[in-house]
PDB file of all heavy atoms in Angstrom:
ATOM      1  N   MET A   1     -26.569  -5.562 -18.685  1.00  0.00           N
ATOM      2  CA  MET A   1     -27.114  -5.968 -17.394  1.00  0.00           C
ATOM      3  C   MET A   1     -27.230  -7.493 -17.317  1.00  0.00           C
ATOM      4  O   MET A   1     -26.898  -8.109 -16.296  1.00  0.00           O
ATOM      5  CB  MET A   1     -28.475  -5.304 -17.193  1.00  0.00           C
ATOM      6  CG  MET A   1     -29.061  -5.467 -15.802  1.00  0.00           C
ATOM      7  SD  MET A   1     -30.688  -4.651 -15.680  1.00  0.00           S
ATOM      8  CE  MET A   1     -30.237  -2.931 -15.989  1.00  0.00           C
ATOM      9  N   CYS A   2     -27.683  -8.099 -18.405  1.00  0.00           N
ATOM     10  CA  CYS A   2     -27.843  -9.556 -18.413  1.00  0.00           C
ATOM     11  C   CYS A   2     -26.510 -10.273 -18.238  1.00  0.00           C
ATOM     12  O   CYS A   2     -26.430 -11.272 -17.507  1.00  0.00           O
ATOM     13  CB  CYS A   2     -28.504 -10.000 -19.718  1.00  0.00           C
ATOM     14  SG  CYS A   2     -30.240  -9.546 -19.848  1.00  0.00           S
ATOM     15  N   THR A   3     -25.474  -9.797 -18.897  1.00  0.00           N
ATOM     16  CA  THR A   3     -24.167 -10.443 -18.764  1.00  0.00           C
ATOM     17  C   THR A   3     -23.620 -10.284 -17.347  1.00  0.00           C
ATOM     18  O   THR A   3     -22.879 -11.149 -16.864  1.00  0.00           O
ATOM     19  CB  THR A   3     -23.165  -9.867 -19.777  1.00  0.00           C
ATOM     20  OG1 THR A   3     -23.018  -8.459 -19.574  1.00  0.00           O
ATOM     21  CG2 THR A   3     -23.645 -10.105 -21.206  1.00  0.00           C
ATOM     22  N   GLN A   4     -23.995  -9.203 -16.684  1.00  0.00           N
ATOM     23  CA  GLN A   4     -23.552  -9.005 -15.301  1.00  0.00           C
ATOM     24  C   GLN A   4     -24.320  -9.888 -14.317  1.00  0.00           C
ATOM     25  O   GLN A   4     -23.773 -10.355 -13.318  1.00  0.00           O
ATOM     26  CB  GLN A   4     -23.712  -7.536 -14.912  1.00  0.00           C
ATOM     27  CG  GLN A   4     -22.792  -6.595 -15.675  1.00  0.00           C
ATOM     28  CD  GLN A   4     -23.164  -5.133 -15.497  1.00  0.00           C
ATOM     29  OE1 GLN A   4     -24.180  -4.802 -14.884  1.00  0.00           O
ATOM     30  NE2 GLN A   4     -22.340  -4.238 -16.045  1.00  0.00           N
ATOM     31  N   LEU A   5     -25.593 -10.145 -14.617  1.00  0.00           N
ATOM     32  CA  LEU A   5     -26.440 -10.922 -13.705  1.00  0.00           C
ATOM     33  C   LEU A   5     -26.234 -12.428 -13.853  1.00  0.00           C
ATOM     34  O   LEU A   5     -26.422 -13.172 -12.893  1.00  0.00           O
ATOM     35  CB  LEU A   5     -27.916 -10.586 -13.956  1.00  0.00           C
ATOM     36  CG  LEU A   5     -28.362  -9.174 -13.602  1.00  0.00           C
ATOM     37  CD1 LEU A   5     -29.781  -8.924 -14.117  1.00  0.00           C
ATOM     38  CD2 LEU A   5     -28.300  -8.951 -12.091  1.00  0.00           C
ATOM     39  N   ALA A   6     -25.873 -12.866 -15.035  1.00  0.00           N
ATOM     40  CA  ALA A   6     -25.738 -14.305 -15.293  1.00  0.00           C
ATOM     41  C   ALA A   6     -24.374 -14.814 -14.844  1.00  0.00           C
ATOM     42  O   ALA A   6     -23.365 -14.117 -14.970  1.00  0.00           O
ATOM     43  CB  ALA A   6     -25.933 -14.579 -16.778  1.00  0.00           C
ATOM     44  N   VAL A   7     -24.350 -16.034 -14.330  1.00  0.00           N
ATOM     45  CA  VAL A   7     -23.104 -16.698 -13.937  1.00  0.00           C
ATOM     46  C   VAL A   7     -23.027 -18.035 -14.665  1.00  0.00           C
ATOM     47  O   VAL A   7     -24.003 -18.503 -15.259  1.00  0.00           O
ATOM     48  CB  VAL A   7     -23.032 -16.915 -12.410  1.00  0.00           C
ATOM     49  CG1 VAL A   7     -23.081 -15.585 -11.681  1.00  0.00           C
ATOM     50  CG2 VAL A   7     -24.166 -17.821 -11.938  1.00  0.00           C
ATOM     51  N   ALA A   8     -21.854 -18.642 -14.630  1.00  0.00           N
ATOM     52  CA  ALA A   8     -21.657 -19.926 -15.300  1.00  0.00           C
ATOM     53  C   ALA A   8     -22.734 -20.923 -14.873  1.00  0.00           C
ATOM     54  O   ALA A   8     -23.037 -21.051 -13.688  1.00  0.00           O
ATOM     55  CB  ALA A   8     -20.272 -20.473 -14.990  1.00  0.00           C
ATOM     56  N   GLY A   9     -23.315 -21.596 -15.854  1.00  0.00           N
ATOM     57  CA  GLY A   9     -24.398 -22.529 -15.581  1.00  0.00           C
ATOM     58  C   GLY A   9     -25.776 -21.956 -15.823  1.00  0.00           C
ATOM     59  O   GLY A   9     -26.762 -22.691 -15.840  1.00  0.00           O
ATOM     60  N   ASP A  10     -25.848 -20.622 -16.021  1.00  0.00           N
ATOM     61  CA  ASP A  10     -27.118 -19.952 -16.304  1.00  0.00           C
ATOM     62  C   ASP A  10     -27.357 -19.876 -17.811  1.00  0.00           C
ATOM     63  O   ASP A  10     -26.482 -20.203 -18.625  1.00  0.00           O
ATOM     64  CB  ASP A  10     -27.119 -18.523 -15.761  1.00  0.00           C
ATOM     65  CG  ASP A  10     -27.165 -18.459 -14.249  1.00  0.00           C
ATOM     66  OD1 ASP A  10     -27.377 -19.506 -13.610  1.00  0.00           O
ATOM     67  OD2 ASP A  10     -26.967 -17.349 -13.706  1.00  0.00           O
ATOM     68  N   ALA A  11     -28.551 -19.421 -18.163  1.00  0.00           N
ATOM     69  CA  ALA A  11     -28.873 -19.068 -19.546  1.00  0.00           C
ATOM     70  C   ALA A  11     -29.354 -17.631 -19.571  1.00  0.00           C
ATOM     71  O   ALA A  11     -29.930 -17.135 -18.598  1.00  0.00           O
ATOM     72  CB  ALA A  11     -29.943 -19.991 -20.108  1.00  0.00           C
ATOM     73  N   VAL A  12     -29.115 -16.956 -20.691  1.00  0.00           N
ATOM     74  CA  VAL A  12     -29.717 -15.658 -20.968  1.00  0.00           C
ATOM     75  C   VAL A  12     -30.626 -15.865 -22.168  1.00  0.00           C
ATOM     76  O   VAL A  12     -30.177 -16.315 -23.230  1.00  0.00           O
ATOM     77  CB  VAL A  12     -28.664 -14.570 -21.261  1.00  0.00           C
ATOM     78  CG1 VAL A  12     -29.348 -13.285 -21.745  1.00  0.00           C
ATOM     79  CG2 VAL A  12     -27.829 -14.283 -20.022  1.00  0.00           C
ATOM     80  N   LEU A  13     -31.893 -15.545 -21.996  1.00  0.00           N
ATOM     81  CA  LEU A  13     -32.892 -15.794 -23.027  1.00  0.00           C
ATOM     82  C   LEU A  13     -33.576 -14.502 -23.444  1.00  0.00           C
ATOM     83  O   LEU A  13     -34.212 -13.828 -22.636  1.00  0.00           O
ATOM     84  CB  LEU A  13     -33.947 -16.775 -22.504  1.00  0.00           C
ATOM     85  CG  LEU A  13     -35.181 -17.012 -23.379  1.00  0.00           C
ATOM     86  CD1 LEU A  13     -34.798 -17.681 -24.699  1.00  0.00           C
ATOM     87  CD2 LEU A  13     -36.220 -17.838 -22.623  1.00  0.00           C
ATOM     88  N   LEU A  14     -33.434 -14.153 -24.720  1.00  0.00           N
ATOM     89  CA  LEU A  14     -34.222 -13.070 -25.303  1.00  0.00           C
ATOM     90  C   LEU A  14     -35.521 -13.682 -25.818  1.00  0.00           C
ATOM     91  O   LEU A  14     -35.542 -14.364 -26.838  1.00  0.00           O
ATOM     92  CB  LEU A  14     -33.458 -12.414 -26.455  1.00  0.00           C
ATOM     93  CG  LEU A  14     -34.267 -11.433 -27.332  1.00  0.00           C
ATOM     94  CD1 LEU A  14     -34.695 -10.219 -26.533  1.00  0.00           C
ATOM     95  CD2 LEU A  14     -33.482 -11.028 -28.571  1.00  0.00           C
ATOM     96  N   SER A  15     -36.590 -13.470 -25.078  1.00  0.00           N
ATOM     97  CA  SER A  15     -37.913 -13.982 -25.467  1.00  0.00           C
ATOM     98  C   SER A  15     -38.939 -12.990 -24.931  1.00  0.00           C
ATOM     99  O   SER A  15     -39.590 -13.242 -23.920  1.00  0.00           O
ATOM    100  CB  SER A  15     -38.132 -15.391 -24.895  1.00  0.00           C
ATOM    101  OG  SER A  15     -39.293 -15.983 -25.413  1.00  0.00           O
ATOM    102  N   PRO A  16     -39.103 -11.854 -25.605  1.00  0.00           N
ATOM    103  CA  PRO A  16     -39.726 -10.669 -24.995  1.00  0.00           C
ATOM    104  C   PRO A  16     -41.224 -10.723 -24.756  1.00  0.00           C
ATOM    105  O   PRO A  16     -41.754  -9.901 -24.009  1.00  0.00           O
ATOM    106  CB  PRO A  16     -39.380  -9.562 -25.995  1.00  0.00           C
ATOM    107  CG  PRO A  16     -38.269 -10.110 -26.837  1.00  0.00           C
ATOM    108  CD  PRO A  16     -38.533 -11.567 -26.911  1.00  0.00           C
ATOM    109  N   ALA A  17     -41.937 -11.629 -25.440  1.00  0.00           N
ATOM    110  CA  ALA A  17     -43.403 -11.701 -25.326  1.00  0.00           C
ATOM    111  C   ALA A  17     -44.077 -10.445 -25.859  1.00  0.00           C
ATOM    112  O   ALA A  17     -45.248 -10.198 -25.584  1.00  0.00           O
ATOM    113  CB  ALA A  17     -43.837 -11.961 -23.879  1.00  0.00           C
ATOM    114  N   CYS A  18     -43.329  -9.643 -26.605  1.00  0.00           N
ATOM    115  CA  CYS A  18     -43.837  -8.374 -27.140  1.00  0.00           C
ATOM    116  C   CYS A  18     -43.243  -8.124 -28.517  1.00  0.00           C
ATOM    117  O   CYS A  18     -42.156  -8.619 -28.847  1.00  0.00           O
ATOM    118  CB  CYS A  18     -43.442  -7.201 -26.238  1.00  0.00           C
ATOM    119  SG  CYS A  18     -44.125  -7.268 -24.574  1.00  0.00           S
ATOM    120  N   ALA A  19     -43.940  -7.316 -29.301  1.00  0.00           N
ATOM    121  CA  ALA A  19     -43.411  -6.893 -30.593  1.00  0.00           C
ATOM    122  C   ALA A  19     -42.220  -5.967 -30.388  1.00  0.00           C
ATOM    123  O   ALA A  19     -42.010  -5.416 -29.304  1.00  0.00           O
ATOM    124  CB  ALA A  19     -44.504  -6.183 -31.396  1.00  0.00           C
ATOM    125  N   SER A  20     -41.440  -5.817 -31.431  1.00  0.00           N
ATOM    126  CA  SER A  20     -40.206  -5.029 -31.354  1.00  0.00           C
ATOM    127  C   SER A  20     -40.406  -3.561 -31.692  1.00  0.00           C
ATOM    128  O   SER A  20     -39.518  -2.737 -31.452  1.00  0.00           O
ATOM    129  CB  SER A  20     -39.173  -5.612 -32.325  1.00  0.00           C
ATOM    130  OG  SER A  20     -39.688  -5.571 -33.656  1.00  0.00           O
ATOM    131  N   TRP A  21     -41.558  -3.207 -32.253  1.00  0.00           N
ATOM    132  CA  TRP A  21     -41.791  -1.837 -32.727  1.00  0.00           C
ATOM    133  C   TRP A  21     -41.574  -0.821 -31.604  1.00  0.00           C
ATOM    134  O   TRP A  21     -41.868  -1.071 -30.449  1.00  0.00           O
ATOM    135  CB  TRP A  21     -43.213  -1.707 -33.261  1.00  0.00           C
ATOM    136  CG  TRP A  21     -43.547  -2.751 -34.275  1.00  0.00           C
ATOM    137  CD1 TRP A  21     -42.737  -3.233 -35.266  1.00  0.00           C
ATOM    138  CD2 TRP A  21     -44.764  -3.489 -34.377  1.00  0.00           C
ATOM    139  NE1 TRP A  21     -43.377  -4.204 -35.978  1.00  0.00           N
ATOM    140  CE2 TRP A  21     -44.625  -4.393 -35.459  1.00  0.00           C
ATOM    141  CE3 TRP A  21     -45.969  -3.468 -33.672  1.00  0.00           C
ATOM    142  CZ2 TRP A  21     -45.636  -5.264 -35.848  1.00  0.00           C
ATOM    143  CZ3 TRP A  21     -46.977  -4.338 -34.049  1.00  0.00           C
ATOM    144  CH2 TRP A  21     -46.810  -5.214 -35.135  1.00  0.00           C
ATOM    145  N   GLY A  22     -41.048   0.319 -32.002  1.00  0.00           N
ATOM    146  CA  GLY A  22     -40.757   1.372 -31.037  1.00  0.00           C
ATOM    147  C   GLY A  22     -39.284   1.415 -30.702  1.00  0.00           C
ATOM    148  O   GLY A  22     -38.724   2.486 -30.462  1.00  0.00           O
ATOM    149  N   MET A  23     -38.637   0.229 -30.710  1.00  0.00           N
ATOM    150  CA  MET A  23     -37.194   0.153 -30.490  1.00  0.00           C
ATOM    151  C   MET A  23     -36.480  -0.390 -31.722  1.00  0.00           C
ATOM    152  O   MET A  23     -35.310  -0.076 -31.948  1.00  0.00           O
ATOM    153  CB  MET A  23     -36.878  -0.734 -29.279  1.00  0.00           C
ATOM    154  CG  MET A  23     -37.424  -0.218 -27.961  1.00  0.00           C
ATOM    155  SD  MET A  23     -36.981  -1.272 -26.549  1.00  0.00           S
ATOM    156  CE  MET A  23     -35.264  -0.839 -26.325  1.00  0.00           C
ATOM    157  N   PHE A  24     -37.187  -1.217 -32.510  1.00  0.00           N
ATOM    158  CA  PHE A  24     -36.606  -1.858 -33.684  1.00  0.00           C
ATOM    159  C   PHE A  24     -37.638  -1.884 -34.811  1.00  0.00           C
ATOM    160  O   PHE A  24     -38.843  -1.883 -34.551  1.00  0.00           O
ATOM    161  CB  PHE A  24     -36.187  -3.305 -33.370  1.00  0.00           C
ATOM    162  CG  PHE A  24     -35.284  -3.441 -32.185  1.00  0.00           C
ATOM    163  CD1 PHE A  24     -35.813  -3.673 -30.924  1.00  0.00           C
ATOM    164  CD2 PHE A  24     -33.915  -3.323 -32.322  1.00  0.00           C
ATOM    165  CE1 PHE A  24     -34.997  -3.793 -29.825  1.00  0.00           C
ATOM    166  CE2 PHE A  24     -33.087  -3.440 -31.224  1.00  0.00           C
ATOM    167  CZ  PHE A  24     -33.618  -3.676 -29.964  1.00  0.00           C
ATOM    168  N   PRO A  25     -37.185  -1.964 -36.055  1.00  0.00           N
ATOM    169  CA  PRO A  25     -38.144  -2.058 -37.157  1.00  0.00           C
ATOM    170  C   PRO A  25     -38.880  -3.394 -37.205  1.00  0.00           C
ATOM    171  O   PRO A  25     -39.997  -3.478 -37.701  1.00  0.00           O
ATOM    172  CB  PRO A  25     -37.281  -1.855 -38.413  1.00  0.00           C
ATOM    173  CG  PRO A  25     -35.886  -2.170 -37.984  1.00  0.00           C
ATOM    174  CD  PRO A  25     -35.799  -1.796 -36.533  1.00  0.00           C
TER     175      PRO A  25
END
């Protein structure tokens, strides 16, 4: 979804403000 929403000149930032537990160790 992020790659579809972003266009040249944008940034995609993974900065979740949450712990990863439940989806990742």
